[in-house]
PDB file of all heavy atoms in Angstrom:
ATOM      1  N   GLY A   1     -10.975 -15.817 -73.213  1.00  0.00           N
ATOM      2  CA  GLY A   1     -10.991 -14.368 -73.237  1.00  0.00           C
ATOM      3  C   GLY A   1     -10.059 -13.725 -74.243  1.00  0.00           C
ATOM      4  O   GLY A   1     -10.063 -12.498 -74.398  1.00  0.00           O
ATOM      5  N   GLN A   2      -9.257 -14.503 -74.959  1.00  0.00           N
ATOM      6  CA  GLN A   2      -8.363 -13.952 -75.965  1.00  0.00           C
ATOM      7  C   GLN A   2      -9.147 -13.619 -77.242  1.00  0.00           C
ATOM      8  O   GLN A   2     -10.245 -14.137 -77.465  1.00  0.00           O
ATOM      9  CB  GLN A   2      -7.249 -14.943 -76.292  1.00  0.00           C
ATOM     10  CG  GLN A   2      -6.378 -15.321 -75.110  1.00  0.00           C
ATOM     11  CD  GLN A   2      -5.564 -14.153 -74.586  1.00  0.00           C
ATOM     12  OE1 GLN A   2      -5.069 -13.328 -75.351  1.00  0.00           O
ATOM     13  NE2 GLN A   2      -5.432 -14.077 -73.269  1.00  0.00           N
ATOM     14  N   THR A   3      -8.553 -12.778 -78.076  1.00  0.00           N
ATOM     15  CA  THR A   3      -9.182 -12.457 -79.368  1.00  0.00           C
ATOM     16  C   THR A   3      -8.371 -12.961 -80.554  1.00  0.00           C
ATOM     17  O   THR A   3      -8.860 -12.949 -81.678  1.00  0.00           O
ATOM     18  CB  THR A   3      -9.383 -10.939 -79.518  1.00  0.00           C
ATOM     19  OG1 THR A   3      -8.101 -10.285 -79.505  1.00  0.00           O
ATOM     20  CG2 THR A   3     -10.257 -10.390 -78.397  1.00  0.00           C
ATOM     21  N   ARG A   4      -7.144 -13.403 -80.295  1.00  0.00           N
ATOM     22  CA  ARG A   4      -6.279 -13.912 -81.357  1.00  0.00           C
ATOM     23  C   ARG A   4      -5.641 -15.209 -80.872  1.00  0.00           C
ATOM     24  O   ARG A   4      -4.862 -15.218 -79.929  1.00  0.00           O
ATOM     25  CB  ARG A   4      -5.179 -12.899 -81.724  1.00  0.00           C
ATOM     26  CG  ARG A   4      -5.685 -11.555 -82.267  1.00  0.00           C
ATOM     27  CD  ARG A   4      -6.279 -11.741 -83.651  1.00  0.00           C
ATOM     28  NE  ARG A   4      -6.676 -10.494 -84.294  1.00  0.00           N
ATOM     29  CZ  ARG A   4      -7.867  -9.937 -84.177  1.00  0.00           C
ATOM     30  NH1 ARG A   4      -8.792 -10.500 -83.390  1.00  0.00           N
ATOM     31  NH2 ARG A   4      -8.173  -8.831 -84.833  1.00  0.00           N
ATOM     32  N   VAL A   5      -5.998 -16.323 -81.529  1.00  0.00           N
ATOM     33  CA  VAL A   5      -5.502 -17.629 -81.120  1.00  0.00           C
ATOM     34  C   VAL A   5      -4.879 -18.323 -82.326  1.00  0.00           C
ATOM     35  O   VAL A   5      -5.484 -18.386 -83.401  1.00  0.00           O
ATOM     36  CB  VAL A   5      -6.626 -18.508 -80.527  1.00  0.00           C
ATOM     37  CG1 VAL A   5      -6.097 -19.900 -80.201  1.00  0.00           C
ATOM     38  CG2 VAL A   5      -7.204 -17.860 -79.287  1.00  0.00           C
ATOM     39  N   ALA A   6      -3.670 -18.849 -82.128  1.00  0.00           N
ATOM     40  CA  ALA A   6      -2.982 -19.618 -83.161  1.00  0.00           C
ATOM     41  C   ALA A   6      -3.126 -21.099 -82.861  1.00  0.00           C
ATOM     42  O   ALA A   6      -2.663 -21.577 -81.823  1.00  0.00           O
ATOM     43  CB  ALA A   6      -1.507 -19.228 -83.207  1.00  0.00           C
ATOM     44  N   ASN A   7      -3.780 -21.816 -83.741  1.00  0.00           N
ATOM     45  CA  ASN A   7      -3.973 -23.253 -83.570  1.00  0.00           C
ATOM     46  C   ASN A   7      -2.642 -23.997 -83.720  1.00  0.00           C
ATOM     47  O   ASN A   7      -1.848 -23.664 -84.601  1.00  0.00           O
ATOM     48  CB  ASN A   7      -4.936 -23.759 -84.653  1.00  0.00           C
ATOM     49  CG  ASN A   7      -6.062 -24.582 -84.104  1.00  0.00           C
ATOM     50  OD1 ASN A   7      -6.690 -24.197 -83.130  1.00  0.00           O
ATOM     51  ND2 ASN A   7      -6.333 -25.708 -84.733  1.00  0.00           N
ATOM     52  N   PRO A   8      -2.377 -24.988 -82.888  1.00  0.00           N
ATOM     53  CA  PRO A   8      -1.187 -25.815 -83.112  1.00  0.00           C
ATOM     54  C   PRO A   8      -1.295 -26.578 -84.428  1.00  0.00           C
ATOM     55  O   PRO A   8      -2.388 -26.828 -84.939  1.00  0.00           O
ATOM     56  CB  PRO A   8      -1.197 -26.780 -81.919  1.00  0.00           C
ATOM     57  CG  PRO A   8      -2.037 -26.114 -80.884  1.00  0.00           C
ATOM     58  CD  PRO A   8      -3.080 -25.363 -81.645  1.00  0.00           C
ATOM     59  N   GLY A   9      -0.152 -26.990 -84.950  1.00  0.00           N
ATOM     60  CA  GLY A   9      -0.149 -27.872 -86.101  1.00  0.00           C
ATOM     61  C   GLY A   9      -0.598 -29.268 -85.715  1.00  0.00           C
ATOM     62  O   GLY A   9      -0.731 -29.606 -84.533  1.00  0.00           O
ATOM     63  N   CYS A  10      -0.814 -30.116 -86.715  1.00  0.00           N
ATOM     64  CA  CYS A  10      -1.342 -31.462 -86.435  1.00  0.00           C
ATOM     65  C   CYS A  10      -0.325 -32.335 -85.711  1.00  0.00           C
ATOM     66  O   CYS A  10      -0.672 -33.052 -84.763  1.00  0.00           O
ATOM     67  CB  CYS A  10      -1.822 -32.122 -87.723  1.00  0.00           C
ATOM     68  SG  CYS A  10      -0.579 -32.227 -89.034  1.00  0.00           S
ATOM     69  N   PHE A  11       0.950 -32.293 -86.131  1.00  0.00           N
ATOM     70  CA  PHE A  11       1.967 -33.079 -85.426  1.00  0.00           C
ATOM     71  C   PHE A  11       2.162 -32.592 -83.992  1.00  0.00           C
ATOM     72  O   PHE A  11       2.230 -33.414 -83.064  1.00  0.00           O
ATOM     73  CB  PHE A  11       3.290 -33.042 -86.190  1.00  0.00           C
ATOM     74  CG  PHE A  11       3.289 -33.837 -87.466  1.00  0.00           C
ATOM     75  CD1 PHE A  11       3.492 -33.214 -88.685  1.00  0.00           C
ATOM     76  CD2 PHE A  11       3.102 -35.210 -87.450  1.00  0.00           C
ATOM     77  CE1 PHE A  11       3.505 -33.940 -89.861  1.00  0.00           C
ATOM     78  CE2 PHE A  11       3.108 -35.955 -88.623  1.00  0.00           C
ATOM     79  CZ  PHE A  11       3.316 -35.312 -89.839  1.00  0.00           C
ATOM     80  N   PRO A  12       2.257 -31.289 -83.750  1.00  0.00           N
ATOM     81  CA  PRO A  12       2.339 -30.828 -82.367  1.00  0.00           C
ATOM     82  C   PRO A  12       1.131 -31.203 -81.529  1.00  0.00           C
ATOM     83  O   PRO A  12       1.267 -31.487 -80.330  1.00  0.00           O
ATOM     84  CB  PRO A  12       2.465 -29.302 -82.517  1.00  0.00           C
ATOM     85  CG  PRO A  12       3.129 -29.121 -83.827  1.00  0.00           C
ATOM     86  CD  PRO A  12       2.545 -30.189 -84.704  1.00  0.00           C
ATOM     87  N   ALA A  13      -0.066 -31.223 -82.124  1.00  0.00           N
ATOM     88  CA  ALA A  13      -1.257 -31.600 -81.352  1.00  0.00           C
ATOM     89  C   ALA A  13      -1.127 -33.013 -80.803  1.00  0.00           C
ATOM     90  O   ALA A  13      -1.465 -33.286 -79.648  1.00  0.00           O
ATOM     91  CB  ALA A  13      -2.508 -31.474 -82.225  1.00  0.00           C
ATOM     92  N   ALA A  14      -0.631 -33.928 -81.623  1.00  0.00           N
ATOM     93  CA  ALA A  14      -0.451 -35.309 -81.173  1.00  0.00           C
ATOM     94  C   ALA A  14       0.718 -35.428 -80.210  1.00  0.00           C
ATOM     95  O   ALA A  14       0.629 -36.097 -79.171  1.00  0.00           O
ATOM     96  CB  ALA A  14      -0.234 -36.231 -82.376  1.00  0.00           C
ATOM     97  N   THR A  15       1.812 -34.772 -80.532  1.00  0.00           N
ATOM     98  CA  THR A  15       3.053 -34.907 -79.761  1.00  0.00           C
ATOM     99  C   THR A  15       2.963 -34.234 -78.400  1.00  0.00           C
ATOM    100  O   THR A  15       3.297 -34.827 -77.357  1.00  0.00           O
ATOM    101  CB  THR A  15       4.218 -34.306 -80.557  1.00  0.00           C
ATOM    102  OG1 THR A  15       4.362 -35.019 -81.794  1.00  0.00           O
ATOM    103  CG2 THR A  15       5.507 -34.372 -79.772  1.00  0.00           C
ATOM    104  N   LEU A  16       2.528 -32.990 -78.375  1.00  0.00           N
ATOM    105  CA  LEU A  16       2.584 -32.199 -77.141  1.00  0.00           C
ATOM    106  C   LEU A  16       1.567 -32.670 -76.109  1.00  0.00           C
ATOM    107  O   LEU A  16       1.829 -32.608 -74.902  1.00  0.00           O
ATOM    108  CB  LEU A  16       2.396 -30.730 -77.469  1.00  0.00           C
ATOM    109  CG  LEU A  16       3.510 -30.141 -78.345  1.00  0.00           C
ATOM    110  CD1 LEU A  16       3.150 -28.732 -78.793  1.00  0.00           C
ATOM    111  CD2 LEU A  16       4.853 -30.151 -77.632  1.00  0.00           C
ATOM    112  N   ASN A  17       0.407 -33.143 -76.556  1.00  0.00           N
ATOM    113  CA  ASN A  17      -0.546 -33.692 -75.587  1.00  0.00           C
ATOM    114  C   ASN A  17       0.035 -34.916 -74.874  1.00  0.00           C
ATOM    115  O   ASN A  17      -0.230 -35.140 -73.691  1.00  0.00           O
ATOM    116  CB  ASN A  17      -1.865 -34.056 -76.268  1.00  0.00           C
ATOM    117  CG  ASN A  17      -2.797 -32.870 -76.400  1.00  0.00           C
ATOM    118  OD1 ASN A  17      -2.491 -31.770 -75.955  1.00  0.00           O
ATOM    119  ND2 ASN A  17      -3.941 -33.092 -77.018  1.00  0.00           N
ATOM    120  N   ALA A  18       0.822 -35.710 -75.603  1.00  0.00           N
ATOM    121  CA  ALA A  18       1.433 -36.880 -74.981  1.00  0.00           C
ATOM    122  C   ALA A  18       2.581 -36.498 -74.051  1.00  0.00           C
ATOM    123  O   ALA A  18       2.770 -37.107 -72.995  1.00  0.00           O
ATOM    124  CB  ALA A  18       1.927 -37.846 -76.060  1.00  0.00           C
ATOM    125  N   LEU A  19       3.345 -35.484 -74.418  1.00  0.00           N
ATOM    126  CA  LEU A  19       4.515 -35.096 -73.628  1.00  0.00           C
ATOM    127  C   LEU A  19       4.178 -34.224 -72.427  1.00  0.00           C
ATOM    128  O   LEU A  19       4.896 -34.255 -71.414  1.00  0.00           O
ATOM    129  CB  LEU A  19       5.506 -34.338 -74.518  1.00  0.00           C
ATOM    130  CG  LEU A  19       6.260 -35.140 -75.572  1.00  0.00           C
ATOM    131  CD1 LEU A  19       7.176 -34.209 -76.354  1.00  0.00           C
ATOM    132  CD2 LEU A  19       7.075 -36.267 -74.935  1.00  0.00           C
ATOM    133  N   ALA A  20       3.118 -33.441 -72.506  1.00  0.00           N
ATOM    134  CA  ALA A  20       2.848 -32.419 -71.493  1.00  0.00           C
ATOM    135  C   ALA A  20       2.848 -32.958 -70.063  1.00  0.00           C
ATOM    136  O   ALA A  20       3.496 -32.373 -69.184  1.00  0.00           O
ATOM    137  CB  ALA A  20       1.531 -31.707 -71.806  1.00  0.00           C
ATOM    138  N   PRO A  21       2.142 -34.049 -69.748  1.00  0.00           N
ATOM    139  CA  PRO A  21       2.138 -34.531 -68.356  1.00  0.00           C
ATOM    140  C   PRO A  21       3.522 -34.941 -67.866  1.00  0.00           C
ATOM    141  O   PRO A  21       3.866 -34.719 -66.701  1.00  0.00           O
ATOM    142  CB  PRO A  21       1.187 -35.728 -68.391  1.00  0.00           C
ATOM    143  CG  PRO A  21       0.383 -35.569 -69.632  1.00  0.00           C
ATOM    144  CD  PRO A  21       1.286 -34.898 -70.608  1.00  0.00           C
ATOM    145  N   LEU A  22       4.309 -35.544 -68.746  1.00  0.00           N
ATOM    146  CA  LEU A  22       5.631 -36.012 -68.361  1.00  0.00           C
ATOM    147  C   LEU A  22       6.578 -34.842 -68.112  1.00  0.00           C
ATOM    148  O   LEU A  22       7.379 -34.857 -67.166  1.00  0.00           O
ATOM    149  CB  LEU A  22       6.211 -36.929 -69.439  1.00  0.00           C
ATOM    150  CG  LEU A  22       5.323 -38.075 -69.927  1.00  0.00           C
ATOM    151  CD1 LEU A  22       6.095 -38.970 -70.890  1.00  0.00           C
ATOM    152  CD2 LEU A  22       4.778 -38.893 -68.766  1.00  0.00           C
ATOM    153  N   LEU A  23       6.497 -33.832 -68.961  1.00  0.00           N
ATOM    154  CA  LEU A  23       7.337 -32.648 -68.791  1.00  0.00           C
ATOM    155  C   LEU A  23       6.932 -31.864 -67.550  1.00  0.00           C
ATOM    156  O   LEU A  23       7.775 -31.375 -66.795  1.00  0.00           O
ATOM    157  CB  LEU A  23       7.243 -31.766 -70.037  1.00  0.00           C
ATOM    158  CG  LEU A  23       7.855 -32.352 -71.311  1.00  0.00           C
ATOM    159  CD1 LEU A  23       7.386 -31.571 -72.525  1.00  0.00           C
ATOM    160  CD2 LEU A  23       9.385 -32.355 -71.234  1.00  0.00           C
ATOM    161  N   ALA A  24       5.620 -31.742 -67.339  1.00  0.00           N
ATOM    162  CA  ALA A  24       5.126 -30.964 -66.205  1.00  0.00           C
ATOM    163  C   ALA A  24       5.539 -31.576 -64.871  1.00  0.00           C
ATOM    164  O   ALA A  24       5.779 -30.853 -63.894  1.00  0.00           O
ATOM    165  CB  ALA A  24       3.608 -30.835 -66.276  1.00  0.00           C
ATOM    166  N   GLU A  25       5.643 -32.911 -64.805  1.00  0.00           N
ATOM    167  CA  GLU A  25       6.020 -33.583 -63.561  1.00  0.00           C
ATOM    168  C   GLU A  25       7.499 -33.975 -63.517  1.00  0.00           C
ATOM    169  O   GLU A  25       7.937 -34.635 -62.578  1.00  0.00           O
ATOM    170  CB  GLU A  25       5.134 -34.806 -63.336  1.00  0.00           C
ATOM    171  CG  GLU A  25       3.686 -34.453 -63.063  1.00  0.00           C
ATOM    172  CD  GLU A  25       2.937 -35.547 -62.313  1.00  0.00           C
ATOM    173  OE1 GLU A  25       3.584 -36.505 -61.832  1.00  0.00           O
ATOM    174  OE2 GLU A  25       1.699 -35.429 -62.204  1.00  0.00           O
ATOM    175  N   GLY A  26       8.261 -33.580 -64.532  1.00  0.00           N
ATOM    176  CA  GLY A  26       9.682 -33.863 -64.530  1.00  0.00           C
ATOM    177  C   GLY A  26      10.037 -35.327 -64.676  1.00  0.00           C
ATOM    178  O   GLY A  26      11.099 -35.777 -64.222  1.00  0.00           O
ATOM    179  N   LEU A  27       9.189 -36.100 -65.335  1.00  0.00           N
ATOM    180  CA  LEU A  27       9.436 -37.526 -65.495  1.00  0.00           C
ATOM    181  C   LEU A  27      10.376 -37.835 -66.652  1.00  0.00           C
ATOM    182  O   LEU A  27      10.899 -38.953 -66.746  1.00  0.00           O
ATOM    183  CB  LEU A  27       8.109 -38.271 -65.703  1.00  0.00           C
ATOM    184  CG  LEU A  27       7.126 -38.229 -64.528  1.00  0.00           C
ATOM    185  CD1 LEU A  27       5.861 -39.005 -64.875  1.00  0.00           C
ATOM    186  CD2 LEU A  27       7.763 -38.782 -63.255  1.00  0.00           C
ATOM    187  N   ILE A  28      10.567 -36.878 -67.556  1.00  0.00           N
ATOM    188  CA  ILE A  28      11.486 -37.058 -68.676  1.00  0.00           C
ATOM    189  C   ILE A  28      12.380 -35.831 -68.792  1.00  0.00           C
ATOM    190  O   ILE A  28      12.056 -34.745 -68.304  1.00  0.00           O
ATOM    191  CB  ILE A  28      10.742 -37.284 -70.010  1.00  0.00           C
ATOM    192  CG1 ILE A  28       9.807 -36.102 -70.323  1.00  0.00           C
ATOM    193  CG2 ILE A  28       9.981 -38.604 -70.004  1.00  0.00           C
ATOM    194  CD1 ILE A  28       9.199 -36.144 -71.711  1.00  0.00           C
TER     195      ILE A  28
END
């Protein structure tokens, strides 16, 4: 539903997808 979206950079796309589950559950 947004009209303005900023795409992540290529390094963040690889990095943040890997980190997100661990950060969300407090594992790291």
